Amino acid sequence: MSLSSIFFLFLRVGAFTFGGGLVMLGFIEKELRSTKRLESEEIADMMVLATAFPGPVAVNMAFLAGKRLAGPAGAACGIVGTAFPPFLTILLLSKVLLQWAHEPWLGAFFLGAAGAVAVIIGRVVYGMTRISCAGGWKDILVFVAVAVLLIATETHPFLALGAGIAFRLLLGEEGQV
């Protein structure tokens, strides 16, 4: 895949996505699938890594996919393509948004966007849950254990991630990477 194709793929994602990294992750997944250059399993693995690494999820995903598609230069094109539109939008629109912040139509816009974002994030969560539990009862057990840690005990996400990894290794039969 050419560097310009990678740049414009991620530029589209960065330019037409509201709601932050997790929403962008859903669009990145769709765009990558449409290229037919990566297997579904590769994309799923990248999504897991992108969410596990520190930093912005969309930028992490752009780095991983860009690097896989065209090496370090592809990673750079993916990162710039993803980050440039939000940066430019914030730079150009922040003053206008602050002036109109108390207008009802702007509030309605953000409420509508929030609803759409919730559904998009739900779709990403559903897809990642299916991926997380695809390996059978051991994967489901790890998923439930981590969910309990995060929801019931409010364990720090980093610790829950580590616990999930350790628990899965203790159960044996590591997944394929």
N, C-alpha and C. Protein backbone atom coordinates (compact mmCIF):
# COMPACT_ATOMS: atom_id res chain seq x y z
N MET A 1 0.86 -1.18 0.00
CA MET A 1 0.00 0.00 0.00
C MET A 1 0.90 1.24 0.00
N SER A 2 0.58 2.21 -0.83
CA SER A 2 1.43 3.39 -0.94
C SER A 2 1.32 4.27 0.30
N LEU A 3 2.34 5.09 0.51
CA LEU A 3 2.34 5.98 1.66
C LEU A 3 1.21 6.99 1.57
N SER A 4 0.93 7.48 0.37
CA SER A 4 -0.17 8.45 0.23
C SER A 4 -1.51 7.78 0.54
N SER A 5 -1.67 6.51 0.16
CA SER A 5 -2.92 5.80 0.47
C SER A 5 -3.09 5.64 1.97
N ILE A 6 -2.01 5.33 2.65
CA ILE A 6 -2.07 5.20 4.12
C ILE A 6 -2.41 6.54 4.74
N PHE A 7 -1.73 7.60 4.27
CA PHE A 7 -1.99 8.93 4.81
C PHE A 7 -3.45 9.30 4.63
N PHE A 8 -4.00 9.13 3.43
CA PHE A 8 -5.37 9.54 3.17
C PHE A 8 -6.39 8.64 3.86
N LEU A 9 -6.09 7.37 4.05
CA LEU A 9 -6.96 6.48 4.82
C LEU A 9 -7.12 7.03 6.24
N PHE A 10 -6.00 7.35 6.87
CA PHE A 10 -6.06 7.84 8.24
C PHE A 10 -6.51 9.29 8.32
N LEU A 11 -6.28 10.07 7.27
CA LEU A 11 -6.79 11.43 7.22
C LEU A 11 -8.31 11.42 7.21
N ARG A 12 -8.92 10.52 6.44
CA ARG A 12 -10.38 10.38 6.43
C ARG A 12 -10.90 10.04 7.82
N VAL A 13 -10.23 9.14 8.47
CA VAL A 13 -10.65 8.76 9.83
C VAL A 13 -10.55 9.96 10.76
N GLY A 14 -9.43 10.65 10.72
CA GLY A 14 -9.24 11.80 11.60
C GLY A 14 -10.18 12.95 11.30
N ALA A 15 -10.55 13.11 10.03
CA ALA A 15 -11.38 14.24 9.63
C ALA A 15 -12.86 14.01 9.86
N PHE A 16 -13.31 12.79 9.80
CA PHE A 16 -14.75 12.53 9.83
C PHE A 16 -15.21 11.74 11.04
N THR A 17 -14.44 11.77 12.11
CA THR A 17 -14.80 11.03 13.31
C THR A 17 -14.93 11.98 14.49
N PHE A 18 -16.08 11.93 15.16
CA PHE A 18 -16.29 12.67 16.39
C PHE A 18 -16.31 11.67 17.53
N GLY A 19 -15.72 12.03 18.67
CA GLY A 19 -15.88 11.20 19.84
C GLY A 19 -14.62 10.60 20.41
N GLY A 20 -13.47 10.84 19.82
CA GLY A 20 -12.23 10.37 20.41
C GLY A 20 -11.75 9.04 19.88
N GLY A 21 -10.71 8.53 20.53
CA GLY A 21 -9.97 7.37 20.06
C GLY A 21 -10.76 6.10 19.88
N LEU A 22 -11.64 5.77 20.82
CA LEU A 22 -12.40 4.53 20.68
C LEU A 22 -13.35 4.57 19.50
N VAL A 23 -13.93 5.74 19.25
CA VAL A 23 -14.80 5.88 18.08
C VAL A 23 -13.95 5.75 16.82
N MET A 24 -12.80 6.41 16.82
CA MET A 24 -11.90 6.33 15.67
C MET A 24 -11.46 4.90 15.43
N LEU A 25 -11.30 4.14 16.50
CA LEU A 25 -10.89 2.75 16.37
C LEU A 25 -11.88 1.96 15.54
N GLY A 26 -13.16 2.19 15.75
CA GLY A 26 -14.18 1.52 14.95
C GLY A 26 -14.08 1.88 13.48
N PHE A 27 -13.85 3.15 13.18
CA PHE A 27 -13.72 3.57 11.79
C PHE A 27 -12.42 3.06 11.17
N ILE A 28 -11.35 3.05 11.94
CA ILE A 28 -10.08 2.52 11.44
C ILE A 28 -10.25 1.05 11.07
N GLU A 29 -10.91 0.31 11.95
CA GLU A 29 -11.14 -1.11 11.68
C GLU A 29 -11.89 -1.29 10.35
N LYS A 30 -12.94 -0.51 10.16
CA LYS A 30 -13.73 -0.60 8.93
C LYS A 30 -12.88 -0.24 7.71
N GLU A 31 -12.12 0.82 7.79
CA GLU A 31 -11.26 1.24 6.68
C GLU A 31 -10.20 0.19 6.36
N LEU A 32 -9.59 -0.38 7.39
CA LEU A 32 -8.55 -1.40 7.16
C LEU A 32 -9.13 -2.66 6.54
N ARG A 33 -10.32 -3.03 6.98
CA ARG A 33 -10.97 -4.21 6.38
C ARG A 33 -11.26 -3.97 4.90
N SER A 34 -11.64 -2.74 4.56
CA SER A 34 -11.98 -2.44 3.17
C SER A 34 -10.76 -2.49 2.24
N THR A 35 -9.55 -2.34 2.79
CA THR A 35 -8.35 -2.41 1.94
C THR A 35 -8.05 -3.85 1.53
N LYS A 36 -8.53 -4.80 2.30
CA LYS A 36 -8.29 -6.24 2.08
C LYS A 36 -6.80 -6.59 2.07
N ARG A 37 -6.01 -5.78 2.77
CA ARG A 37 -4.56 -6.03 2.86
C ARG A 37 -4.17 -6.67 4.18
N LEU A 38 -5.10 -6.66 5.13
CA LEU A 38 -4.84 -7.24 6.44
C LEU A 38 -5.95 -8.23 6.77
N GLU A 39 -5.57 -9.31 7.40
CA GLU A 39 -6.54 -10.31 7.85
C GLU A 39 -7.30 -9.77 9.07
N SER A 40 -8.51 -10.26 9.26
CA SER A 40 -9.32 -9.83 10.40
C SER A 40 -8.60 -10.06 11.72
N GLU A 41 -7.87 -11.17 11.81
CA GLU A 41 -7.14 -11.48 13.05
C GLU A 41 -6.03 -10.47 13.29
N GLU A 42 -5.36 -10.03 12.22
CA GLU A 42 -4.31 -9.03 12.37
C GLU A 42 -4.88 -7.72 12.89
N ILE A 43 -6.01 -7.32 12.33
CA ILE A 43 -6.66 -6.08 12.75
C ILE A 43 -7.09 -6.20 14.21
N ALA A 44 -7.65 -7.33 14.59
CA ALA A 44 -8.08 -7.55 15.98
C ALA A 44 -6.89 -7.48 16.92
N ASP A 45 -5.77 -8.10 16.54
CA ASP A 45 -4.57 -8.04 17.38
C ASP A 45 -4.07 -6.61 17.53
N MET A 46 -4.11 -5.85 16.43
CA MET A 46 -3.68 -4.45 16.50
C MET A 46 -4.59 -3.65 17.41
N MET A 47 -5.89 -3.93 17.36
CA MET A 47 -6.83 -3.22 18.23
C MET A 47 -6.54 -3.50 19.70
N VAL A 48 -6.23 -4.73 20.01
CA VAL A 48 -5.89 -5.08 21.39
C VAL A 48 -4.62 -4.36 21.82
N LEU A 49 -3.59 -4.39 20.99
CA LEU A 49 -2.34 -3.71 21.32
C LEU A 49 -2.54 -2.20 21.42
N ALA A 50 -3.30 -1.63 20.50
CA ALA A 50 -3.53 -0.18 20.50
C ALA A 50 -4.21 0.29 21.77
N THR A 51 -5.12 -0.53 22.30
CA THR A 51 -5.81 -0.15 23.53
C THR A 51 -4.97 -0.47 24.77
N ALA A 52 -4.05 -1.41 24.66
CA ALA A 52 -3.23 -1.79 25.82
C ALA A 52 -2.03 -0.86 26.01
N PHE A 53 -1.51 -0.30 24.92
CA PHE A 53 -0.36 0.59 25.02
C PHE A 53 -0.77 1.95 25.56
N PRO A 54 0.15 2.63 26.25
CA PRO A 54 -0.17 3.99 26.68
C PRO A 54 -0.25 4.93 25.49
N GLY A 55 -1.01 5.99 25.64
CA GLY A 55 -1.14 6.99 24.59
C GLY A 55 -2.48 6.92 23.90
N PRO A 56 -2.70 7.84 22.96
CA PRO A 56 -3.99 7.88 22.25
C PRO A 56 -4.22 6.62 21.43
N VAL A 57 -5.37 6.01 21.59
CA VAL A 57 -5.70 4.74 20.94
C VAL A 57 -5.63 4.86 19.42
N ALA A 58 -6.20 5.92 18.87
CA ALA A 58 -6.22 6.07 17.41
C ALA A 58 -4.81 6.23 16.85
N VAL A 59 -3.98 6.95 17.54
CA VAL A 59 -2.59 7.13 17.08
C VAL A 59 -1.83 5.82 17.19
N ASN A 60 -2.06 5.08 18.27
CA ASN A 60 -1.42 3.77 18.41
C ASN A 60 -1.83 2.85 17.27
N MET A 61 -3.12 2.85 16.95
CA MET A 61 -3.63 2.00 15.86
C MET A 61 -3.06 2.44 14.52
N ALA A 62 -2.98 3.75 14.29
CA ALA A 62 -2.41 4.27 13.04
C ALA A 62 -0.94 3.85 12.92
N PHE A 63 -0.22 3.89 14.03
CA PHE A 63 1.18 3.47 14.02
C PHE A 63 1.29 1.99 13.66
N LEU A 64 0.53 1.15 14.37
CA LEU A 64 0.63 -0.29 14.15
C LEU A 64 0.22 -0.68 12.73
N ALA A 65 -0.91 -0.15 12.26
CA ALA A 65 -1.39 -0.50 10.92
C ALA A 65 -0.46 0.07 9.85
N GLY A 66 -0.06 1.32 10.02
CA GLY A 66 0.84 1.93 9.04
C GLY A 66 2.16 1.19 8.94
N LYS A 67 2.69 0.79 10.10
CA LYS A 67 3.96 0.04 10.11
C LYS A 67 3.79 -1.31 9.43
N ARG A 68 2.69 -1.96 9.70
CA ARG A 68 2.44 -3.28 9.08
C ARG A 68 2.27 -3.16 7.56
N LEU A 69 1.65 -2.07 7.11
CA LEU A 69 1.38 -1.91 5.69
C LEU A 69 2.57 -1.39 4.89
N ALA A 70 3.42 -0.54 5.52
CA ALA A 70 4.51 0.07 4.75
C ALA A 70 5.73 0.43 5.59
N GLY A 71 5.94 -0.26 6.70
CA GLY A 71 7.13 -0.01 7.49
C GLY A 71 7.07 1.29 8.27
N PRO A 72 8.23 1.77 8.73
CA PRO A 72 8.27 2.99 9.55
C PRO A 72 7.68 4.22 8.85
N ALA A 73 7.89 4.35 7.55
CA ALA A 73 7.32 5.49 6.83
C ALA A 73 5.79 5.40 6.81
N GLY A 74 5.25 4.20 6.70
CA GLY A 74 3.80 4.01 6.76
C GLY A 74 3.26 4.37 8.13
N ALA A 75 4.02 4.03 9.18
CA ALA A 75 3.61 4.39 10.54
C ALA A 75 3.55 5.90 10.68
N ALA A 76 4.55 6.59 10.16
CA ALA A 76 4.57 8.05 10.24
C ALA A 76 3.40 8.66 9.46
N CYS A 77 3.12 8.14 8.28
CA CYS A 77 1.99 8.64 7.48
C CYS A 77 0.67 8.41 8.20
N GLY A 78 0.51 7.26 8.83
CA GLY A 78 -0.71 6.97 9.57
C GLY A 78 -0.90 7.91 10.75
N ILE A 79 0.17 8.14 11.49
CA ILE A 79 0.10 9.03 12.65
C ILE A 79 -0.26 10.45 12.23
N VAL A 80 0.44 10.97 11.22
CA VAL A 80 0.18 12.34 10.77
C VAL A 80 -1.24 12.45 10.21
N GLY A 81 -1.65 11.47 9.43
CA GLY A 81 -3.00 11.49 8.87
C GLY A 81 -4.08 11.47 9.94
N THR A 82 -3.86 10.72 11.00
CA THR A 82 -4.83 10.63 12.09
C THR A 82 -4.88 11.90 12.93
N ALA A 83 -3.72 12.45 13.24
CA ALA A 83 -3.65 13.57 14.18
C ALA A 83 -3.88 14.94 13.55
N PHE A 84 -3.60 15.09 12.26
CA PHE A 84 -3.67 16.41 11.63
C PHE A 84 -5.08 17.01 11.62
N PRO A 85 -6.12 16.30 11.20
CA PRO A 85 -7.46 16.93 11.17
C PRO A 85 -7.96 17.39 12.55
N PRO A 86 -7.86 16.58 13.61
CA PRO A 86 -8.32 17.10 14.91
C PRO A 86 -7.50 18.31 15.37
N PHE A 87 -6.20 18.26 15.13
CA PHE A 87 -5.35 19.39 15.52
C PHE A 87 -5.80 20.65 14.80
N LEU A 88 -5.99 20.56 13.49
CA LEU A 88 -6.41 21.70 12.69
C LEU A 88 -7.79 22.19 13.11
N THR A 89 -8.70 21.27 13.36
CA THR A 89 -10.05 21.64 13.79
C THR A 89 -10.03 22.39 15.11
N ILE A 90 -9.29 21.88 16.06
CA ILE A 90 -9.19 22.55 17.37
C ILE A 90 -8.56 23.92 17.20
N LEU A 91 -7.52 24.01 16.40
CA LEU A 91 -6.84 25.26 16.18
C LEU A 91 -7.76 26.31 15.56
N LEU A 92 -8.55 25.90 14.57
CA LEU A 92 -9.39 26.85 13.84
C LEU A 92 -10.75 27.12 14.49
N LEU A 93 -11.33 26.12 15.15
CA LEU A 93 -12.69 26.28 15.66
C LEU A 93 -12.81 26.57 17.15
N SER A 94 -11.73 26.47 17.89
CA SER A 94 -11.84 26.63 19.34
C SER A 94 -12.40 27.99 19.73
N LYS A 95 -11.97 29.05 19.09
CA LYS A 95 -12.46 30.39 19.42
C LYS A 95 -13.95 30.51 19.09
N VAL A 96 -14.36 29.98 17.94
CA VAL A 96 -15.76 30.05 17.54
C VAL A 96 -16.63 29.24 18.51
N LEU A 97 -16.18 28.04 18.86
CA LEU A 97 -16.96 27.21 19.78
C LEU A 97 -17.11 27.86 21.14
N LEU A 98 -16.06 28.50 21.60
CA LEU A 98 -16.15 29.17 22.90
C LEU A 98 -17.13 30.35 22.86
N GLN A 99 -17.21 31.04 21.73
CA GLN A 99 -18.15 32.16 21.59
C GLN A 99 -19.60 31.68 21.58
N TRP A 100 -19.85 30.54 20.99
CA TRP A 100 -21.21 30.04 20.80
C TRP A 100 -21.56 28.93 21.80
N ALA A 101 -20.75 28.71 22.79
CA ALA A 101 -20.91 27.57 23.70
C ALA A 101 -22.28 27.51 24.37
N HIS A 102 -22.92 28.63 24.60
CA HIS A 102 -24.19 28.64 25.33
C HIS A 102 -25.41 28.66 24.42
N GLU A 103 -25.21 28.48 23.13
CA GLU A 103 -26.32 28.45 22.18
C GLU A 103 -27.02 27.09 22.21
N PRO A 104 -28.34 27.07 22.23
CA PRO A 104 -29.07 25.79 22.29
C PRO A 104 -28.78 24.86 21.11
N TRP A 105 -28.62 25.39 19.92
CA TRP A 105 -28.38 24.54 18.75
C TRP A 105 -27.02 23.84 18.86
N LEU A 106 -26.02 24.50 19.48
CA LEU A 106 -24.72 23.85 19.65
C LEU A 106 -24.81 22.75 20.70
N GLY A 107 -25.57 23.01 21.76
CA GLY A 107 -25.81 21.98 22.77
C GLY A 107 -26.52 20.77 22.19
N ALA A 108 -27.51 21.04 21.32
CA ALA A 108 -28.23 19.94 20.65
C ALA A 108 -27.30 19.13 19.76
N PHE A 109 -26.41 19.83 19.07
CA PHE A 109 -25.43 19.14 18.23
C PHE A 109 -24.59 18.18 19.06
N PHE A 110 -24.07 18.66 20.18
CA PHE A 110 -23.21 17.81 21.00
C PHE A 110 -23.99 16.66 21.66
N LEU A 111 -25.25 16.90 22.03
CA LEU A 111 -26.06 15.81 22.57
C LEU A 111 -26.31 14.74 21.52
N GLY A 112 -26.60 15.16 20.30
CA GLY A 112 -26.78 14.20 19.20
C GLY A 112 -25.51 13.44 18.91
N ALA A 113 -24.39 14.16 18.91
CA ALA A 113 -23.10 13.50 18.67
C ALA A 113 -22.79 12.51 19.78
N ALA A 114 -23.12 12.87 21.03
CA ALA A 114 -22.86 11.97 22.16
C ALA A 114 -23.63 10.66 22.02
N GLY A 115 -24.88 10.74 21.56
CA GLY A 115 -25.66 9.53 21.34
C GLY A 115 -25.03 8.64 20.28
N ALA A 116 -24.63 9.26 19.18
CA ALA A 116 -23.99 8.49 18.11
C ALA A 116 -22.68 7.89 18.58
N VAL A 117 -21.91 8.65 19.33
CA VAL A 117 -20.62 8.17 19.84
C VAL A 117 -20.83 6.97 20.76
N ALA A 118 -21.84 7.02 21.60
CA ALA A 118 -22.12 5.90 22.51
C ALA A 118 -22.41 4.62 21.74
N VAL A 119 -23.17 4.74 20.67
CA VAL A 119 -23.50 3.56 19.87
C VAL A 119 -22.25 3.04 19.17
N ILE A 120 -21.44 3.93 18.62
CA ILE A 120 -20.21 3.50 17.93
C ILE A 120 -19.26 2.82 18.90
N ILE A 121 -19.10 3.40 20.09
CA ILE A 121 -18.23 2.77 21.09
C ILE A 121 -18.80 1.41 21.50
N GLY A 122 -20.13 1.33 21.65
CA GLY A 122 -20.76 0.04 21.96
C GLY A 122 -20.46 -1.01 20.92
N ARG A 123 -20.48 -0.61 19.65
CA ARG A 123 -20.15 -1.54 18.57
C ARG A 123 -18.71 -2.03 18.67
N VAL A 124 -17.79 -1.11 18.97
CA VAL A 124 -16.39 -1.49 19.14
C VAL A 124 -16.23 -2.43 20.33
N VAL A 125 -16.89 -2.11 21.44
CA VAL A 125 -16.82 -2.95 22.63
C VAL A 125 -17.38 -4.35 22.34
N TYR A 126 -18.50 -4.40 21.64
CA TYR A 126 -19.10 -5.69 21.28
C TYR A 126 -18.12 -6.51 20.43
N GLY A 127 -17.53 -5.88 19.43
CA GLY A 127 -16.57 -6.58 18.57
C GLY A 127 -15.36 -7.08 19.33
N MET A 128 -14.83 -6.24 20.23
CA MET A 128 -13.67 -6.65 21.01
C MET A 128 -14.03 -7.74 22.02
N THR A 129 -15.26 -7.69 22.54
CA THR A 129 -15.71 -8.75 23.45
C THR A 129 -15.78 -10.09 22.72
N ARG A 130 -16.31 -10.06 21.50
CA ARG A 130 -16.37 -11.30 20.70
C ARG A 130 -14.96 -11.84 20.45
N ILE A 131 -14.02 -10.95 20.15
CA ILE A 131 -12.64 -11.36 19.91
C ILE A 131 -12.04 -11.92 21.19
N SER A 132 -12.30 -11.24 22.32
CA SER A 132 -11.73 -11.66 23.60
C SER A 132 -12.23 -13.02 24.05
N CYS A 133 -13.44 -13.37 23.69
CA CYS A 133 -14.04 -14.61 24.15
C CYS A 133 -14.06 -15.71 23.09
N ALA A 134 -13.40 -15.48 21.97
CA ALA A 134 -13.48 -16.41 20.84
C ALA A 134 -12.72 -17.72 21.08
N GLY A 135 -11.80 -17.73 22.04
CA GLY A 135 -10.97 -18.91 22.25
C GLY A 135 -11.57 -19.97 23.15
N GLY A 136 -12.79 -19.79 23.61
CA GLY A 136 -13.41 -20.81 24.44
C GLY A 136 -13.53 -20.40 25.88
N TRP A 137 -13.76 -21.39 26.73
CA TRP A 137 -14.09 -21.14 28.12
C TRP A 137 -12.99 -20.44 28.89
N LYS A 138 -11.72 -20.70 28.56
CA LYS A 138 -10.63 -20.03 29.27
C LYS A 138 -10.64 -18.53 29.00
N ASP A 139 -10.86 -18.17 27.76
CA ASP A 139 -10.91 -16.75 27.41
C ASP A 139 -12.12 -16.07 28.05
N ILE A 140 -13.24 -16.78 28.10
CA ILE A 140 -14.45 -16.23 28.73
C ILE A 140 -14.21 -16.04 30.22
N LEU A 141 -13.54 -17.00 30.85
CA LEU A 141 -13.22 -16.91 32.27
C LEU A 141 -12.33 -15.70 32.56
N VAL A 142 -11.32 -15.48 31.73
CA VAL A 142 -10.43 -14.33 31.90
C VAL A 142 -11.22 -13.03 31.70
N PHE A 143 -12.08 -13.01 30.68
CA PHE A 143 -12.89 -11.83 30.42
C PHE A 143 -13.74 -11.48 31.63
N VAL A 144 -14.40 -12.47 32.19
CA VAL A 144 -15.27 -12.24 33.35
C VAL A 144 -14.44 -11.78 34.56
N ALA A 145 -13.30 -12.41 34.77
CA ALA A 145 -12.45 -12.03 35.91
C ALA A 145 -11.99 -10.58 35.79
N VAL A 146 -11.57 -10.18 34.60
CA VAL A 146 -11.12 -8.80 34.41
C VAL A 146 -12.29 -7.83 34.53
N ALA A 147 -13.45 -8.21 34.01
CA ALA A 147 -14.63 -7.36 34.14
C ALA A 147 -14.99 -7.15 35.60
N VAL A 148 -14.92 -8.20 36.41
CA VAL A 148 -15.20 -8.08 37.84
C VAL A 148 -14.18 -7.16 38.50
N LEU A 149 -12.90 -7.33 38.15
CA LEU A 149 -11.88 -6.45 38.72
C LEU A 149 -12.14 -4.99 38.39
N LEU A 150 -12.49 -4.73 37.16
CA LEU A 150 -12.68 -3.34 36.73
C LEU A 150 -13.98 -2.73 37.25
N ILE A 151 -15.05 -3.51 37.24
CA ILE A 151 -16.36 -2.95 37.56
C ILE A 151 -16.67 -3.04 39.05
N ALA A 152 -16.51 -4.23 39.63
CA ALA A 152 -16.92 -4.44 41.02
C ALA A 152 -15.89 -3.90 42.02
N THR A 153 -14.61 -4.06 41.71
CA THR A 153 -13.60 -3.65 42.68
C THR A 153 -12.90 -2.35 42.30
N GLU A 154 -13.23 -1.82 41.12
CA GLU A 154 -12.63 -0.58 40.63
C GLU A 154 -11.10 -0.63 40.63
N THR A 155 -10.55 -1.78 40.30
CA THR A 155 -9.11 -1.94 40.17
C THR A 155 -8.61 -1.03 39.05
N HIS A 156 -7.42 -0.52 39.20
CA HIS A 156 -6.82 0.32 38.15
C HIS A 156 -6.74 -0.49 36.85
N PRO A 157 -7.08 0.12 35.71
CA PRO A 157 -7.07 -0.63 34.45
C PRO A 157 -5.74 -1.30 34.12
N PHE A 158 -4.64 -0.65 34.45
CA PHE A 158 -3.33 -1.25 34.19
C PHE A 158 -3.14 -2.53 35.00
N LEU A 159 -3.57 -2.51 36.25
CA LEU A 159 -3.47 -3.70 37.09
C LEU A 159 -4.41 -4.80 36.60
N ALA A 160 -5.60 -4.42 36.17
CA ALA A 160 -6.55 -5.40 35.63
C ALA A 160 -6.01 -6.03 34.35
N LEU A 161 -5.38 -5.24 33.51
CA LEU A 161 -4.75 -5.76 32.29
C LEU A 161 -3.67 -6.78 32.65
N GLY A 162 -2.83 -6.42 33.60
CA GLY A 162 -1.78 -7.35 34.04
C GLY A 162 -2.35 -8.62 34.64
N ALA A 163 -3.41 -8.47 35.43
CA ALA A 163 -4.05 -9.64 36.03
C ALA A 163 -4.65 -10.54 34.95
N GLY A 164 -5.26 -9.94 33.94
CA GLY A 164 -5.82 -10.72 32.84
C GLY A 164 -4.76 -11.50 32.10
N ILE A 165 -3.64 -10.86 31.84
CA ILE A 165 -2.53 -11.53 31.16
C ILE A 165 -2.02 -12.69 32.01
N ALA A 166 -1.77 -12.41 33.29
CA ALA A 166 -1.25 -13.45 34.19
C ALA A 166 -2.22 -14.62 34.33
N PHE A 167 -3.50 -14.31 34.47
CA PHE A 167 -4.51 -15.35 34.62
C PHE A 167 -4.57 -16.22 33.37
N ARG A 168 -4.51 -15.60 32.20
CA ARG A 168 -4.58 -16.37 30.95
C ARG A 168 -3.34 -17.24 30.80
N LEU A 169 -2.18 -16.74 31.19
CA LEU A 169 -0.96 -17.55 31.12
C LEU A 169 -1.03 -18.72 32.10
N LEU A 170 -1.62 -18.50 33.28
CA LEU A 170 -1.78 -19.58 34.24
C LEU A 170 -2.71 -20.67 33.72
N LEU A 171 -3.71 -20.27 32.94
CA LEU A 171 -4.64 -21.25 32.38
C LEU A 171 -4.02 -22.08 31.25
N GLY A 172 -2.94 -21.57 30.70
CA GLY A 172 -2.22 -22.32 29.65
C GLY A 172 -2.78 -22.08 28.25
N GLU A 173 -2.11 -22.73 27.29
CA GLU A 173 -2.47 -22.64 25.88
C GLU A 173 -2.61 -21.19 25.43
N GLU A 174 -1.48 -20.50 25.39
CA GLU A 174 -1.48 -19.10 24.98
C GLU A 174 -2.08 -18.97 23.60
N GLY A 175 -2.76 -17.85 23.37
CA GLY A 175 -3.36 -17.58 22.07
C GLY A 175 -2.29 -17.31 21.02
N GLN A 176 -2.70 -17.35 19.77
CA GLN A 176 -1.78 -17.07 18.68
C GLN A 176 -1.67 -15.58 18.49
N VAL A 177 -0.47 -15.13 18.11
CA VAL A 177 -0.24 -13.72 17.84
C VAL A 177 0.15 -13.55 16.41
